[in-house]
PDB file of N, CA and C in Angstrom:
ATOM      1  N   MET A   1      11.707 -16.301  -7.666  1.00  0.00           N
ATOM      2  CA  MET A   1      12.744 -15.644  -6.906  1.00  0.00           C
ATOM      3  C   MET A   1      12.589 -14.132  -7.076  1.00  0.00           C
ATOM      4  N   ILE A   2      12.700 -13.402  -5.990  1.00  0.00           N
ATOM      5  CA  ILE A   2      12.557 -11.954  -6.013  1.00  0.00           C
ATOM      6  C   ILE A   2      13.936 -11.319  -6.157  1.00  0.00           C
ATOM      7  N   GLN A   3      14.035 -10.387  -7.087  1.00  0.00           N
ATOM      8  CA  GLN A   3      15.293  -9.683  -7.307  1.00  0.00           C
ATOM      9  C   GLN A   3      15.585  -8.739  -6.140  1.00  0.00           C
ATOM     10  N   ASP A   4      16.857  -8.515  -5.869  1.00  0.00           N
ATOM     11  CA  ASP A   4      17.258  -7.576  -4.823  1.00  0.00           C
ATOM     12  C   ASP A   4      16.719  -6.180  -5.099  1.00  0.00           C
ATOM     13  N   THR A   5      16.685  -5.797  -6.387  1.00  0.00           N
ATOM     14  CA  THR A   5      16.191  -4.461  -6.723  1.00  0.00           C
ATOM     15  C   THR A   5      14.706  -4.335  -6.415  1.00  0.00           C
ATOM     16  N   SER A   6      13.943  -5.415  -6.595  1.00  0.00           N
ATOM     17  CA  SER A   6      12.515  -5.393  -6.265  1.00  0.00           C
ATOM     18  C   SER A   6      12.315  -5.255  -4.765  1.00  0.00           C
ATOM     19  N   LEU A   7      13.110  -5.977  -3.997  1.00  0.00           N
ATOM     20  CA  LEU A   7      13.027  -5.882  -2.539  1.00  0.00           C
ATOM     21  C   LEU A   7      13.396  -4.482  -2.066  1.00  0.00           C
ATOM     22  N   HIS A   8      14.410  -3.913  -2.687  1.00  0.00           N
ATOM     23  CA  HIS A   8      14.837  -2.564  -2.325  1.00  0.00           C
ATOM     24  C   HIS A   8      13.736  -1.546  -2.656  1.00  0.00           C
ATOM     25  N   ALA A   9      13.133  -1.672  -3.833  1.00  0.00           N
ATOM     26  CA  ALA A   9      12.057  -0.760  -4.234  1.00  0.00           C
ATOM     27  C   ALA A   9      10.870  -0.893  -3.284  1.00  0.00           C
ATOM     28  N   TYR A  10      10.541  -2.115  -2.888  1.00  0.00           N
ATOM     29  CA  TYR A  10       9.437  -2.336  -1.952  1.00  0.00           C
ATOM     30  C   TYR A  10       9.758  -1.685  -0.605  1.00  0.00           C
ATOM     31  N   ALA A  11      10.982  -1.871  -0.138  1.00  0.00           N
ATOM     32  CA  ALA A  11      11.383  -1.289   1.149  1.00  0.00           C
ATOM     33  C   ALA A  11      11.313   0.231   1.105  1.00  0.00           C
ATOM     34  N   LEU A  12      11.771   0.831   0.021  1.00  0.00           N
ATOM     35  CA  LEU A  12      11.714   2.295  -0.109  1.00  0.00           C
ATOM     36  C   LEU A  12      10.282   2.807  -0.129  1.00  0.00           C
ATOM     37  N   ALA A  13       9.435   2.121  -0.876  1.00  0.00           N
ATOM     38  CA  ALA A  13       8.055   2.590  -1.037  1.00  0.00           C
ATOM     39  C   ALA A  13       7.228   2.394   0.223  1.00  0.00           C
ATOM     40  N   THR A  14       7.597   1.438   1.058  1.00  0.00           N
ATOM     41  CA  THR A  14       6.783   1.132   2.238  1.00  0.00           C
ATOM     42  C   THR A  14       7.422   1.579   3.554  1.00  0.00           C
ATOM     43  N   GLN A  15       8.555   2.245   3.496  1.00  0.00           N
ATOM     44  CA  GLN A  15       9.263   2.591   4.729  1.00  0.00           C
ATOM     45  C   GLN A  15       8.479   3.538   5.634  1.00  0.00           C
ATOM     46  N   ASN A  16       7.588   4.341   5.073  1.00  0.00           N
ATOM     47  CA  ASN A  16       6.839   5.297   5.886  1.00  0.00           C
ATOM     48  C   ASN A  16       5.408   4.854   6.166  1.00  0.00           C
ATOM     49  N   LEU A  17       5.101   3.604   5.871  1.00  0.00           N
ATOM     50  CA  LEU A  17       3.752   3.105   6.126  1.00  0.00           C
ATOM     51  C   LEU A  17       3.609   2.659   7.577  1.00  0.00           C
ATOM     52  N   GLY A  18       2.397   2.785   8.080  1.00  0.00           N
ATOM     53  CA  GLY A  18       2.087   2.270   9.405  1.00  0.00           C
ATOM     54  C   GLY A  18       1.921   0.760   9.351  1.00  0.00           C
ATOM     55  N   LYS A  19       1.873   0.143  10.524  1.00  0.00           N
ATOM     56  CA  LYS A  19       1.748  -1.321  10.632  1.00  0.00           C
ATOM     57  C   LYS A  19       0.506  -1.826   9.913  1.00  0.00           C
ATOM     58  N   LYS A  20      -0.634  -1.180  10.151  1.00  0.00           N
ATOM     59  CA  LYS A  20      -1.883  -1.636   9.537  1.00  0.00           C
ATOM     60  C   LYS A  20      -1.880  -1.402   8.029  1.00  0.00           C
ATOM     61  N   GLN A  21      -1.281  -0.312   7.582  1.00  0.00           N
ATOM     62  CA  GLN A  21      -1.186  -0.067   6.145  1.00  0.00           C
ATOM     63  C   GLN A  21      -0.370  -1.170   5.474  1.00  0.00           C
ATOM     64  N   LYS A  22       0.746  -1.557   6.101  1.00  0.00           N
ATOM     65  CA  LYS A  22       1.573  -2.628   5.541  1.00  0.00           C
ATOM     66  C   LYS A  22       0.812  -3.943   5.501  1.00  0.00           C
ATOM     67  N   GLU A  23       0.031  -4.221   6.539  1.00  0.00           N
ATOM     68  CA  GLU A  23      -0.735  -5.469   6.571  1.00  0.00           C
ATOM     69  C   GLU A  23      -1.766  -5.507   5.451  1.00  0.00           C
ATOM     70  N   VAL A  24      -2.442  -4.385   5.213  1.00  0.00           N
ATOM     71  CA  VAL A  24      -3.426  -4.330   4.128  1.00  0.00           C
ATOM     72  C   VAL A  24      -2.726  -4.479   2.780  1.00  0.00           C
ATOM     73  N   LEU A  25      -1.614  -3.784   2.595  1.00  0.00           N
ATOM     74  CA  LEU A  25      -0.879  -3.880   1.337  1.00  0.00           C
ATOM     75  C   LEU A  25      -0.397  -5.312   1.103  1.00  0.00           C
ATOM     76  N   ASP A  26       0.124  -5.957   2.129  1.00  0.00           N
ATOM     77  CA  ASP A  26       0.578  -7.342   1.993  1.00  0.00           C
ATOM     78  C   ASP A  26      -0.593  -8.279   1.694  1.00  0.00           C
ATOM     79  N   ALA A  27      -1.740  -8.022   2.308  1.00  0.00           N
ATOM     80  CA  ALA A  27      -2.930  -8.844   2.033  1.00  0.00           C
ATOM     81  C   ALA A  27      -3.337  -8.704   0.569  1.00  0.00           C
ATOM     82  N   LEU A  28      -3.257  -7.480   0.040  1.00  0.00           N
ATOM     83  CA  LEU A  28      -3.612  -7.273  -1.367  1.00  0.00           C
ATOM     84  C   LEU A  28      -2.579  -7.881  -2.304  1.00  0.00           C
ATOM     85  N   ARG A  29      -1.352  -8.025  -1.869  1.00  0.00           N
ATOM     86  CA  ARG A  29      -0.355  -8.708  -2.689  1.00  0.00           C
ATOM     87  C   ARG A  29      -0.656 -10.206  -2.727  1.00  0.00           C
ATOM     88  N   PHE A  30      -1.137 -10.726  -1.614  1.00  0.00           N
ATOM     89  CA  PHE A  30      -1.443 -12.152  -1.529  1.00  0.00           C
ATOM     90  C   PHE A  30      -2.790 -12.463  -2.180  1.00  0.00           C
ATOM     91  N   PHE A  31      -3.772 -11.570  -2.011  1.00  0.00           N
ATOM     92  CA  PHE A  31      -5.110 -11.721  -2.580  1.00  0.00           C
ATOM     93  C   PHE A  31      -5.445 -10.526  -3.463  1.00  0.00           C
ATOM     94  N   PRO A  32      -4.876 -10.458  -4.674  1.00  0.00           N
ATOM     95  CA  PRO A  32      -5.208  -9.327  -5.537  1.00  0.00           C
ATOM     96  C   PRO A  32      -6.679  -9.377  -5.914  1.00  0.00           C
ATOM     97  N   ASP A  33      -7.233  -8.233  -6.235  1.00  0.00           N
ATOM     98  CA  ASP A  33      -8.631  -8.143  -6.639  1.00  0.00           C
ATOM     99  C   ASP A  33      -9.560  -8.434  -5.447  1.00  0.00           C
ATOM    100  N   ALA A  34      -9.197  -7.938  -4.268  1.00  0.00           N
ATOM    101  CA  ALA A  34     -10.012  -8.146  -3.067  1.00  0.00           C
ATOM    102  C   ALA A  34     -10.854  -6.913  -2.771  1.00  0.00           C
ATOM    103  N   THR A  35     -12.040  -7.135  -2.228  1.00  0.00           N
ATOM    104  CA  THR A  35     -12.906  -6.042  -1.805  1.00  0.00           C
ATOM    105  C   THR A  35     -12.596  -5.704  -0.340  1.00  0.00           C
ATOM    106  N   ASN A  36     -13.117  -4.585   0.126  1.00  0.00           N
ATOM    107  CA  ASN A  36     -12.908  -4.213   1.532  1.00  0.00           C
ATOM    108  C   ASN A  36     -13.436  -5.303   2.463  1.00  0.00           C
ATOM    109  N   ARG A  37     -14.622  -5.838   2.152  1.00  0.00           N
ATOM    110  CA  ARG A  37     -15.219  -6.860   3.015  1.00  0.00           C
ATOM    111  C   ARG A  37     -14.404  -8.149   2.992  1.00  0.00           C
ATOM    112  N   GLU A  38     -13.842  -8.509   1.836  1.00  0.00           N
ATOM    113  CA  GLU A  38     -12.991  -9.697   1.754  1.00  0.00           C
ATOM    114  C   GLU A  38     -11.709  -9.490   2.558  1.00  0.00           C
ATOM    115  N   LEU A  39     -11.149  -8.270   2.504  1.00  0.00           N
ATOM    116  CA  LEU A  39      -9.976  -7.960   3.331  1.00  0.00           C
ATOM    117  C   LEU A  39     -10.323  -8.060   4.808  1.00  0.00           C
ATOM    118  N   LYS A  40     -11.513  -7.587   5.165  1.00  0.00           N
ATOM    119  CA  LYS A  40     -11.982  -7.652   6.554  1.00  0.00           C
ATOM    120  C   LYS A  40     -12.003  -9.099   7.042  1.00  0.00           C
ATOM    121  N   GLU A  41     -12.535  -9.971   6.226  1.00  0.00           N
ATOM    122  CA  GLU A  41     -12.618 -11.388   6.613  1.00  0.00           C
ATOM    123  C   GLU A  41     -11.235 -12.026   6.706  1.00  0.00           C
ATOM    124  N   TYR A  42     -10.361 -11.687   5.770  1.00  0.00           N
ATOM    125  CA  TYR A  42      -9.022 -12.262   5.763  1.00  0.00           C
ATOM    126  C   TYR A  42      -8.200 -11.796   6.965  1.00  0.00           C
ATOM    127  N   LEU A  43      -8.261 -10.494   7.259  1.00  0.00           N
ATOM    128  CA  LEU A  43      -7.446  -9.930   8.333  1.00  0.00           C
ATOM    129  C   LEU A  43      -8.112 -10.017   9.709  1.00  0.00           C
ATOM    130  N   HIS A  44      -9.404 -10.341   9.725  1.00  0.00           N
ATOM    131  CA  HIS A  44     -10.168 -10.411  10.983  1.00  0.00           C
ATOM    132  C   HIS A  44     -10.179  -9.068  11.705  1.00  0.00           C
ATOM    133  N   TRP A  45     -10.381  -7.999  10.934  1.00  0.00           N
ATOM    134  CA  TRP A  45     -10.478  -6.649  11.481  1.00  0.00           C
ATOM    135  C   TRP A  45     -11.893  -6.149  11.306  1.00  0.00           C
ATOM    136  N   GLU A  46     -12.199  -5.033  11.937  1.00  0.00           N
ATOM    137  CA  GLU A  46     -13.462  -4.344  11.702  1.00  0.00           C
ATOM    138  C   GLU A  46     -13.351  -3.610  10.367  1.00  0.00           C
ATOM    139  N   ILE A  47     -14.486  -3.443   9.689  1.00  0.00           N
ATOM    140  CA  ILE A  47     -14.485  -2.782   8.386  1.00  0.00           C
ATOM    141  C   ILE A  47     -13.985  -1.343   8.486  1.00  0.00           C
ATOM    142  N   ASN A  48     -14.243  -0.696   9.634  1.00  0.00           N
ATOM    143  CA  ASN A  48     -13.789   0.696   9.780  1.00  0.00           C
ATOM    144  C   ASN A  48     -12.277   0.793  10.003  1.00  0.00           C
ATOM    145  N   SER A  49     -11.589  -0.324  10.068  1.00  0.00           N
ATOM    146  CA  SER A  49     -10.124  -0.317  10.081  1.00  0.00           C
ATOM    147  C   SER A  49      -9.576  -0.577   8.679  1.00  0.00           C
ATOM    148  N   ILE A  50     -10.358  -1.266   7.855  1.00  0.00           N
ATOM    149  CA  ILE A  50      -9.926  -1.608   6.498  1.00  0.00           C
ATOM    150  C   ILE A  50     -10.075  -0.418   5.551  1.00  0.00           C
ATOM    151  N   THR A  51     -11.284   0.133   5.508  1.00  0.00           N
ATOM    152  CA  THR A  51     -11.613   1.165   4.525  1.00  0.00           C
ATOM    153  C   THR A  51     -10.661   2.360   4.569  1.00  0.00           C
ATOM    154  N   PRO A  52     -10.349   2.922   5.740  1.00  0.00           N
ATOM    155  CA  PRO A  52      -9.406   4.055   5.753  1.00  0.00           C
ATOM    156  C   PRO A  52      -8.001   3.676   5.285  1.00  0.00           C
ATOM    157  N   ARG A  53      -7.547   2.472   5.636  1.00  0.00           N
ATOM    158  CA  ARG A  53      -6.203   2.054   5.218  1.00  0.00           C
ATOM    159  C   ARG A  53      -6.139   1.919   3.704  1.00  0.00           C
ATOM    160  N   VAL A  54      -7.175   1.357   3.094  1.00  0.00           N
ATOM    161  CA  VAL A  54      -7.203   1.239   1.636  1.00  0.00           C
ATOM    162  C   VAL A  54      -7.182   2.633   1.016  1.00  0.00           C
ATOM    163  N   GLY A  55      -7.962   3.555   1.573  1.00  0.00           N
ATOM    164  CA  GLY A  55      -7.978   4.928   1.074  1.00  0.00           C
ATOM    165  C   GLY A  55      -6.619   5.596   1.163  1.00  0.00           C
ATOM    166  N   GLU A  56      -5.933   5.406   2.284  1.00  0.00           N
ATOM    167  CA  GLU A  56      -4.595   5.989   2.458  1.00  0.00           C
ATOM    168  C   GLU A  56      -3.610   5.413   1.446  1.00  0.00           C
ATOM    169  N   LEU A  57      -3.682   4.103   1.242  1.00  0.00           N
ATOM    170  CA  LEU A  57      -2.781   3.454   0.288  1.00  0.00           C
ATOM    171  C   LEU A  57      -3.089   3.876  -1.145  1.00  0.00           C
ATOM    172  N   ARG A  58      -4.361   4.120  -1.440  1.00  0.00           N
ATOM    173  CA  ARG A  58      -4.736   4.622  -2.771  1.00  0.00           C
ATOM    174  C   ARG A  58      -4.164   6.018  -2.979  1.00  0.00           C
ATOM    175  N   GLU A  59      -4.252   6.873  -1.958  1.00  0.00           N
ATOM    176  CA  GLU A  59      -3.711   8.231  -2.063  1.00  0.00           C
ATOM    177  C   GLU A  59      -2.207   8.221  -2.317  1.00  0.00           C
ATOM    178  N   GLN A  60      -1.525   7.220  -1.774  1.00  0.00           N
ATOM    179  CA  GLN A  60      -0.077   7.107  -1.954  1.00  0.00           C
ATOM    180  C   GLN A  60       0.293   6.404  -3.256  1.00  0.00           C
ATOM    181  N   GLY A  61      -0.710   5.928  -3.982  1.00  0.00           N
ATOM    182  CA  GLY A  61      -0.455   5.261  -5.255  1.00  0.00           C
ATOM    183  C   GLY A  61       0.010   3.831  -5.131  1.00  0.00           C
ATOM    184  N   LEU A  62      -0.161   3.231  -3.952  1.00  0.00           N
ATOM    185  CA  LEU A  62       0.283   1.852  -3.750  1.00  0.00           C
ATOM    186  C   LEU A  62      -0.831   0.840  -4.000  1.00  0.00           C
ATOM    187  N   VAL A  63      -2.082   1.309  -4.001  1.00  0.00           N
ATOM    188  CA  VAL A  63      -3.235   0.450  -4.261  1.00  0.00           C
ATOM    189  C   VAL A  63      -4.043   1.068  -5.393  1.00  0.00           C
ATOM    190  N   LEU A  64      -4.454   0.210  -6.319  1.00  0.00           N
ATOM    191  CA  LEU A  64      -5.205   0.650  -7.493  1.00  0.00           C
ATOM    192  C   LEU A  64      -6.580   0.003  -7.518  1.00  0.00           C
ATOM    193  N   ASP A  65      -7.510   0.664  -8.181  1.00  0.00           N
ATOM    194  CA  ASP A  65      -8.854   0.122  -8.367  1.00  0.00           C
ATOM    195  C   ASP A  65      -8.766  -1.034  -9.365  1.00  0.00           C
ATOM    196  N   ALA A  66      -9.264  -2.187  -8.992  1.00  0.00           N
ATOM    197  CA  ALA A  66      -9.229  -3.354  -9.877  1.00  0.00           C
ATOM    198  C   ALA A  66     -10.557  -3.528 -10.607  1.00  0.00           C
ATOM    199  N   GLY A  67     -11.470  -2.569 -10.438  1.00  0.00           N
ATOM    200  CA  GLY A  67     -12.756  -2.646 -11.115  1.00  0.00           C
ATOM    201  C   GLY A  67     -13.876  -3.022 -10.164  1.00  0.00           C
ATOM    202  N   ILE A  68     -15.060  -3.086 -10.713  1.00  0.00           N
ATOM    203  CA  ILE A  68     -16.242  -3.437  -9.920  1.00  0.00           C
ATOM    204  C   ILE A  68     -16.605  -4.884 -10.217  1.00  0.00           C
ATOM    205  N   ARG A  69     -16.861  -5.632  -9.163  1.00  0.00           N
ATOM    206  CA  ARG A  69     -17.266  -7.033  -9.306  1.00  0.00           C
ATOM    207  C   ARG A  69     -18.129  -7.420  -8.120  1.00  0.00           C
ATOM    208  N   GLN A  70     -18.674  -8.606  -8.166  1.00  0.00           N
ATOM    209  CA  GLN A  70     -19.508  -9.096  -7.074  1.00  0.00           C
ATOM    210  C   GLN A  70     -18.608  -9.563  -5.924  1.00  0.00           C
ATOM    211  N   CYS A  71     -18.878  -9.040  -4.730  1.00  0.00           N
ATOM    212  CA  CYS A  71     -18.120  -9.422  -3.541  1.00  0.00           C
ATOM    213  C   CYS A  71     -18.482 -10.858  -3.150  1.00  0.00           C
ATOM    214  N   LYS A  72     -17.486 -11.653  -2.821  1.00  0.00           N
ATOM    215  CA  LYS A  72     -17.705 -13.044  -2.426  1.00  0.00           C
ATOM    216  C   LYS A  72     -18.365 -13.158  -1.058  1.00  0.00           C
ATOM    217  N   ILE A  73     -18.312 -12.091  -0.253  1.00  0.00           N
ATOM    218  CA  ILE A  73     -18.889 -12.114   1.088  1.00  0.00           C
ATOM    219  C   ILE A  73     -20.321 -11.580   1.078  1.00  0.00           C
ATOM    220  N   THR A  74     -20.507 -10.409   0.482  1.00  0.00           N
ATOM    221  CA  THR A  74     -21.818  -9.751   0.534  1.00  0.00           C
ATOM    222  C   THR A  74     -22.696 -10.040  -0.677  1.00  0.00           C
ATOM    223  N   GLY A  75     -22.096 -10.426  -1.783  1.00  0.00           N
ATOM    224  CA  GLY A  75     -22.852 -10.645  -3.008  1.00  0.00           C
ATOM    225  C   GLY A  75     -23.180  -9.362  -3.753  1.00  0.00           C
ATOM    226  N   LYS A  76     -22.794  -8.224  -3.204  1.00  0.00           N
ATOM    227  CA  LYS A  76     -23.053  -6.934  -3.852  1.00  0.00           C
ATOM    228  C   LYS A  76     -21.944  -6.602  -4.841  1.00  0.00           C
ATOM    229  N   ARG A  77     -22.288  -5.759  -5.814  1.00  0.00           N
ATOM    230  CA  ARG A  77     -21.284  -5.279  -6.765  1.00  0.00           C
ATOM    231  C   ARG A  77     -20.556  -4.097  -6.139  1.00  0.00           C
ATOM    232  N   VAL A  78     -19.261  -4.267  -5.927  1.00  0.00           N
ATOM    233  CA  VAL A  78     -18.449  -3.254  -5.256  1.00  0.00           C
ATOM    234  C   VAL A  78     -17.083  -3.169  -5.919  1.00  0.00           C
ATOM    235  N   HIS A  79     -16.329  -2.139  -5.521  1.00  0.00           N
ATOM    236  CA  HIS A  79     -14.958  -1.983  -6.025  1.00  0.00           C
ATOM    237  C   HIS A  79     -14.053  -3.037  -5.394  1.00  0.00           C
ATOM    238  N   ALA A  80     -13.159  -3.545  -6.199  1.00  0.00           N
ATOM    239  CA  ALA A  80     -12.097  -4.435  -5.727  1.00  0.00           C
ATOM    240  C   ALA A  80     -10.790  -3.666  -5.865  1.00  0.00           C
ATOM    241  N   TRP A  81      -9.785  -4.071  -5.103  1.00  0.00           N
ATOM    242  CA  TRP A  81      -8.516  -3.356  -5.065  1.00  0.00           C
ATOM    243  C   TRP A  81      -7.372  -4.302  -5.372  1.00  0.00           C
ATOM    244  N   LYS A  82      -6.289  -3.735  -5.884  1.00  0.00           N
ATOM    245  CA  LYS A  82      -5.072  -4.515  -6.108  1.00  0.00           C
ATOM    246  C   LYS A  82      -3.873  -3.671  -5.750  1.00  0.00           C
ATOM    247  N   ALA A  83      -2.827  -4.329  -5.289  1.00  0.00           N
ATOM    248  CA  ALA A  83      -1.586  -3.640  -4.965  1.00  0.00           C
ATOM    249  C   ALA A  83      -0.866  -3.316  -6.269  1.00  0.00           C
ATOM    250  N   LYS A  84      -0.296  -2.132  -6.325  1.00  0.00           N
ATOM    251  CA  LYS A  84       0.487  -1.741  -7.498  1.00  0.00           C
ATOM    252  C   LYS A  84       1.728  -2.608  -7.539  1.00  0.00           C
ATOM    253  N   TYR A  85       2.050  -3.110  -8.708  1.00  0.00           N
ATOM    254  CA  TYR A  85       3.255  -3.907  -8.860  1.00  0.00           C
ATOM    255  C   TYR A  85       3.944  -3.507 -10.146  1.00  0.00           C
ATOM    256  N   PRO A  86       5.197  -3.308 -10.170  1.00  0.00           N
ATOM    257  CA  PRO A  86       6.059  -3.296  -9.000  1.00  0.00           C
ATOM    258  C   PRO A  86       5.889  -1.995  -8.237  1.00  0.00           C
ATOM    259  N   VAL A  87       6.124  -2.075  -6.955  1.00  0.00           N
ATOM    260  CA  VAL A  87       6.052  -0.870  -6.129  1.00  0.00           C
ATOM    261  C   VAL A  87       7.354  -0.122  -6.330  1.00  0.00           C
ATOM    262  N   LEU A  88       7.246   1.073  -6.830  1.00  0.00           N
ATOM    263  CA  LEU A  88       8.432   1.884  -7.063  1.00  0.00           C
ATOM    264  C   LEU A  88       8.305   3.197  -6.318  1.00  0.00           C
ATOM    265  N   PRO A  89       9.403   3.735  -5.862  1.00  0.00           N
ATOM    266  CA  PRO A  89       9.354   5.045  -5.218  1.00  0.00           C
ATOM    267  C   PRO A  89       9.013   6.114  -6.249  1.00  0.00           C
ATOM    268  N   PRO A  90       8.591   7.293  -5.818  1.00  0.00           N
ATOM    269  CA  PRO A  90       8.284   8.361  -6.766  1.00  0.00           C
ATOM    270  C   PRO A  90       9.489   8.684  -7.646  1.00  0.00           C
ATOM    271  N   ALA A  91       9.232   9.087  -8.871  1.00  0.00           N
ATOM    272  CA  ALA A  91      10.314   9.393  -9.805  1.00  0.00           C
ATOM    273  C   ALA A  91      11.087  10.632  -9.374  1.00  0.00           C
ATOM    274  N   PHE A  92      10.389  11.578  -8.724  1.00  0.00           N
ATOM    275  CA  PHE A  92      11.023  12.808  -8.291  1.00  0.00           C
ATOM    276  C   PHE A  92      10.807  12.987  -6.803  1.00  0.00           C
ATOM    277  N   GLU A  93      11.826  13.451  -6.115  1.00  0.00           N
ATOM    278  CA  GLU A  93      11.698  13.727  -4.688  1.00  0.00           C
ATOM    279  C   GLU A  93      10.803  14.943  -4.470  1.00  0.00           C
ATOM    280  N   THR A  94      10.001  14.878  -3.439  1.00  0.00           N
ATOM    281  CA  THR A  94       9.217  16.052  -3.067  1.00  0.00           C
ATOM    282  C   THR A  94      10.103  16.967  -2.238  1.00  0.00           C
ATOM    283  N   GLU A  95       9.665  18.182  -2.025  1.00  0.00           N
ATOM    284  CA  GLU A  95      10.431  19.134  -1.221  1.00  0.00           C
ATOM    285  C   GLU A  95      10.638  18.614   0.200  1.00  0.00           C
ATOM    286  N   VAL A  96       9.615  17.946   0.754  1.00  0.00           N
ATOM    287  CA  VAL A  96       9.734  17.396   2.112  1.00  0.00           C
ATOM    288  C   VAL A  96      10.806  16.320   2.156  1.00  0.00           C
ATOM    289  N   GLU A  97      10.827  15.435   1.148  1.00  0.00           N
ATOM    290  CA  GLU A  97      11.838  14.381   1.111  1.00  0.00           C
ATOM    291  C   GLU A  97      13.235  14.965   0.970  1.00  0.00           C
ATOM    292  N   LYS A  98      13.395  16.003   0.136  1.00  0.00           N
ATOM    293  CA  LYS A  98      14.698  16.656  -0.026  1.00  0.00           C
ATOM    294  C   LYS A  98      15.163  17.259   1.295  1.00  0.00           C
ATOM    295  N   LEU A  99      14.224  17.881   2.012  1.00  0.00           N
ATOM    296  CA  LEU A  99      14.556  18.483   3.297  1.00  0.00           C
ATOM    297  C   LEU A  99      14.997  17.418   4.297  1.00  0.00           C
ATOM    298  N   LYS A 100      14.317  16.272   4.300  1.00  0.00           N
ATOM    299  CA  LYS A 100      14.694  15.174   5.205  1.00  0.00           C
ATOM    300  C   LYS A 100      16.107  14.695   4.898  1.00  0.00           C
ATOM    301  N   VAL A 101      16.421  14.528   3.615  1.00  0.00           N
ATOM    302  CA  VAL A 101      17.751  14.063   3.219  1.00  0.00           C
ATOM    303  C   VAL A 101      18.803  15.084   3.633  1.00  0.00           C
ATOM    304  N   GLU A 102      18.547  16.354   3.361  1.00  0.00           N
ATOM    305  CA  GLU A 102      19.501  17.407   3.730  1.00  0.00           C
ATOM    306  C   GLU A 102      19.699  17.466   5.236  1.00  0.00           C
ATOM    307  N   THR A 103      18.602  17.338   5.995  1.00  0.00           N
ATOM    308  CA  THR A 103      18.688  17.368   7.454  1.00  0.00           C
ATOM    309  C   THR A 103      19.493  16.184   7.964  1.00  0.00           C
ATOM    310  N   ASN A 104      19.232  14.984   7.399  1.00  0.00           N
ATOM    311  CA  ASN A 104      19.977  13.794   7.812  1.00  0.00           C
ATOM    312  C   ASN A 104      21.460  13.919   7.467  1.00  0.00           C
ATOM    313  N   GLN A 105      21.742  14.463   6.294  1.00  0.00           N
ATOM    314  CA  GLN A 105      23.142  14.615   5.883  1.00  0.00           C
ATOM    315  C   GLN A 105      23.866  15.604   6.789  1.00  0.00           C
ATOM    316  N   SER A 106      23.195  16.733   7.137  1.00  0.00           N
ATOM    317  CA  SER A 106      23.873  17.693   8.012  1.00  0.00           C
ATOM    318  C   SER A 106      24.064  17.134   9.414  1.00  0.00           C
ATOM    319  N   ALA A 107      23.101  16.305   9.865  1.00  0.00           N
ATOM    320  CA  ALA A 107      23.239  15.705  11.193  1.00  0.00           C
ATOM    321  C   ALA A 107      24.415  14.729  11.213  1.00  0.00           C
ATOM    322  N   LEU A 108      24.687  14.113  10.058  1.00  0.00           N
ATOM    323  CA  LEU A 108      25.790  13.158   9.966  1.00  0.00           C
ATOM    324  C   LEU A 108      27.101  13.840   9.601  1.00  0.00           C
ATOM    325  N   GLY A 109      27.040  15.152   9.313  1.00  0.00           N
ATOM    326  CA  GLY A 109      28.242  15.885   8.950  1.00  0.00           C
ATOM    327  C   GLY A 109      28.681  15.657   7.512  1.00  0.00           C
ATOM    328  N   ILE A 110      27.731  15.327   6.652  1.00  0.00           N
ATOM    329  CA  ILE A 110      28.061  15.056   5.245  1.00  0.00           C
ATOM    330  C   ILE A 110      27.932  16.326   4.452  1.00  0.00           C
TER     331      ILE A 110
END
């Protein structure tokens, strides 16, 4: 059973992700320790759609390197990826996030 707080943290951390980013992140939650080529086979996408999404998710801290292992598809030794768990929002708001909150509050008259 998933706690409400876990669902809330997941929603906060993924609210600004694109559709394809969410699909890759969800695939890594279902298949942790997957390589780019394994994700390609699972999602039935082109590799040039997988690799950038994994990179973007890594930059956001939502995907971590799971180490180097032999890929089940290619047989080559490559990096595998895993979704960060639990997904938590940043500990501190960035200036952009603060500005968004202030703008939303002023628009609402708060």
